[in-house]
């Protein structure tokens, strides 16, 4: 599945090693290649909560 949303700060924080490699994130709607399905699901939940709270970690990474 191709990503429909920009990479967020929270996702970069979950995998800082690959923060400059956009291709590392493109195959997943949330998260990256380093995270297993359970960790991507947990990250999606945290991201939804951050968006609901207006947390800056839910904003697009630079």
N, C-alpha and C. Protein backbone atom coordinates (compact mmCIF):
# COMPACT_ATOMS: atom_id res chain seq x y z
N UNK A 1 0.86 -1.17 0.00
CA UNK A 1 0.00 0.00 0.00
C UNK A 1 0.90 1.23 0.00
N UNK A 2 0.55 2.19 -0.80
CA UNK A 2 1.31 3.43 -0.85
C UNK A 2 0.82 4.39 0.24
N UNK A 3 1.71 5.15 0.75
CA UNK A 3 1.42 6.12 1.81
C UNK A 3 0.58 7.26 1.26
N UNK A 4 -0.43 7.68 2.02
CA UNK A 4 -1.27 8.80 1.59
C UNK A 4 -1.04 10.05 2.43
N UNK A 5 -0.37 9.90 3.58
CA UNK A 5 -0.10 11.03 4.48
C UNK A 5 1.40 11.29 4.53
N UNK A 6 1.80 12.54 4.81
CA UNK A 6 3.24 12.82 4.96
C UNK A 6 3.83 12.14 6.20
N UNK A 7 5.12 11.95 6.19
CA UNK A 7 5.82 11.37 7.33
C UNK A 7 5.77 12.37 8.48
N UNK A 8 5.43 11.88 9.65
CA UNK A 8 5.27 12.76 10.82
C UNK A 8 6.51 12.72 11.72
N UNK A 9 6.58 13.69 12.60
CA UNK A 9 7.68 13.74 13.57
C UNK A 9 7.67 12.52 14.48
N UNK A 10 6.50 12.03 14.83
CA UNK A 10 6.38 10.86 15.69
C UNK A 10 6.97 9.63 15.00
N UNK A 11 6.72 9.49 13.71
CA UNK A 11 7.28 8.36 12.97
C UNK A 11 8.80 8.45 12.88
N UNK A 12 9.31 9.63 12.68
CA UNK A 12 10.76 9.82 12.63
C UNK A 12 11.37 9.51 13.99
N UNK A 13 10.68 9.89 15.06
CA UNK A 13 11.16 9.60 16.40
C UNK A 13 11.19 8.09 16.67
N UNK A 14 10.28 7.35 16.04
CA UNK A 14 10.24 5.90 16.22
C UNK A 14 11.37 5.20 15.45
N UNK A 15 11.92 5.87 14.44
CA UNK A 15 13.00 5.28 13.65
C UNK A 15 13.96 6.39 13.22
N UNK A 16 14.70 6.99 14.14
CA UNK A 16 15.57 8.12 13.80
C UNK A 16 16.74 7.76 12.88
N UNK A 17 17.09 6.50 12.82
CA UNK A 17 18.21 6.08 11.98
C UNK A 17 17.95 6.39 10.51
N UNK A 18 16.71 6.27 10.08
CA UNK A 18 16.38 6.41 8.67
C UNK A 18 15.59 7.69 8.37
N UNK A 19 15.73 8.70 9.20
CA UNK A 19 14.90 9.90 9.06
C UNK A 19 15.07 10.61 7.73
N UNK A 20 16.19 10.43 7.07
CA UNK A 20 16.43 11.12 5.80
C UNK A 20 16.09 10.25 4.59
N UNK A 21 15.69 9.02 4.79
CA UNK A 21 15.41 8.08 3.70
C UNK A 21 13.90 7.92 3.52
N UNK A 22 13.32 8.71 2.65
CA UNK A 22 11.87 8.70 2.43
C UNK A 22 11.39 7.33 1.94
N UNK A 23 12.19 6.66 1.13
CA UNK A 23 11.80 5.35 0.61
C UNK A 23 11.58 4.34 1.73
N UNK A 24 12.21 4.55 2.85
CA UNK A 24 12.09 3.64 4.00
C UNK A 24 10.67 3.67 4.57
N UNK A 25 9.94 4.73 4.36
CA UNK A 25 8.59 4.91 4.91
C UNK A 25 7.47 4.67 3.88
N UNK A 26 7.79 4.69 2.61
CA UNK A 26 6.77 4.76 1.56
C UNK A 26 5.85 3.53 1.47
N UNK A 27 6.31 2.37 1.87
CA UNK A 27 5.48 1.16 1.74
C UNK A 27 4.47 0.97 2.86
N UNK A 28 4.47 1.89 3.82
CA UNK A 28 3.58 1.74 4.98
C UNK A 28 2.79 3.02 5.20
N UNK A 29 1.53 2.88 5.54
CA UNK A 29 0.69 4.05 5.82
C UNK A 29 1.17 4.76 7.08
N UNK A 30 1.63 3.98 8.06
CA UNK A 30 2.19 4.53 9.29
C UNK A 30 3.45 3.71 9.62
N UNK A 31 4.50 4.40 9.95
CA UNK A 31 5.73 3.70 10.33
C UNK A 31 6.64 3.43 9.14
N UNK A 32 7.54 2.48 9.34
CA UNK A 32 8.57 2.24 8.33
C UNK A 32 8.91 0.76 8.26
N UNK A 33 9.90 0.45 7.43
CA UNK A 33 10.31 -0.94 7.24
C UNK A 33 10.88 -1.58 8.50
N UNK A 34 11.47 -0.80 9.40
CA UNK A 34 12.09 -1.35 10.62
C UNK A 34 11.07 -1.88 11.62
N UNK A 35 9.86 -1.37 11.58
CA UNK A 35 8.86 -1.73 12.59
C UNK A 35 8.04 -2.94 12.13
N UNK A 36 7.77 -3.85 13.06
CA UNK A 36 6.90 -4.97 12.71
C UNK A 36 5.45 -4.50 12.75
N UNK A 37 4.53 -5.37 12.36
CA UNK A 37 3.12 -4.98 12.28
C UNK A 37 2.57 -4.50 13.61
N UNK A 38 2.95 -5.16 14.70
CA UNK A 38 2.44 -4.77 16.02
C UNK A 38 2.93 -3.37 16.39
N UNK A 39 4.19 -3.08 16.13
CA UNK A 39 4.73 -1.76 16.46
C UNK A 39 4.13 -0.68 15.55
N UNK A 40 3.87 -1.01 14.28
CA UNK A 40 3.22 -0.04 13.38
C UNK A 40 1.80 0.25 13.83
N UNK A 41 1.09 -0.77 14.31
CA UNK A 41 -0.27 -0.60 14.82
C UNK A 41 -0.26 0.28 16.07
N UNK A 42 0.68 0.03 16.97
CA UNK A 42 0.79 0.85 18.18
C UNK A 42 1.15 2.29 17.81
N UNK A 43 2.03 2.46 16.84
CA UNK A 43 2.40 3.80 16.39
C UNK A 43 1.21 4.52 15.77
N UNK A 44 0.39 3.80 15.01
CA UNK A 44 -0.81 4.41 14.41
C UNK A 44 -1.76 4.90 15.50
N UNK A 45 -1.90 4.14 16.58
CA UNK A 45 -2.74 4.55 17.69
C UNK A 45 -2.18 5.80 18.35
N UNK A 46 -0.88 5.81 18.61
CA UNK A 46 -0.24 6.98 19.22
C UNK A 46 -0.35 8.20 18.31
N UNK A 47 -0.22 7.99 17.01
CA UNK A 47 -0.33 9.09 16.07
C UNK A 47 -1.74 9.67 16.05
N UNK A 48 -2.75 8.80 16.08
CA UNK A 48 -4.14 9.27 16.12
C UNK A 48 -4.40 10.07 17.39
N UNK A 49 -3.87 9.61 18.51
CA UNK A 49 -4.03 10.34 19.77
C UNK A 49 -3.31 11.69 19.71
N UNK A 50 -2.12 11.71 19.14
CA UNK A 50 -1.36 12.96 19.02
C UNK A 50 -2.10 13.96 18.13
N UNK A 51 -2.69 13.47 17.06
CA UNK A 51 -3.47 14.36 16.17
C UNK A 51 -4.67 14.93 16.91
N UNK A 52 -5.36 14.09 17.66
CA UNK A 52 -6.54 14.53 18.41
C UNK A 52 -6.20 15.57 19.46
N UNK A 53 -5.01 15.46 20.03
CA UNK A 53 -4.57 16.40 21.07
C UNK A 53 -3.91 17.65 20.50
N UNK A 54 -3.67 17.66 19.18
CA UNK A 54 -2.97 18.79 18.58
C UNK A 54 -1.48 18.79 18.90
N UNK A 55 -0.95 17.64 19.22
CA UNK A 55 0.45 17.49 19.58
C UNK A 55 1.33 17.76 18.35
N UNK A 56 2.38 18.56 18.49
CA UNK A 56 3.26 18.87 17.35
C UNK A 56 3.97 17.64 16.79
N UNK A 57 4.03 16.54 17.54
CA UNK A 57 4.63 15.32 16.99
C UNK A 57 3.82 14.74 15.85
N UNK A 58 2.57 15.12 15.73
CA UNK A 58 1.72 14.64 14.65
C UNK A 58 1.89 15.47 13.37
N UNK A 59 2.70 16.50 13.44
CA UNK A 59 2.93 17.35 12.26
C UNK A 59 3.94 16.70 11.34
N UNK A 60 3.97 17.18 10.12
CA UNK A 60 4.87 16.66 9.10
C UNK A 60 6.33 16.88 9.53
N UNK A 61 7.15 15.85 9.31
CA UNK A 61 8.57 15.97 9.60
C UNK A 61 9.22 16.85 8.54
N UNK A 62 10.27 17.51 8.91
CA UNK A 62 10.95 18.41 7.97
C UNK A 62 12.05 17.70 7.23
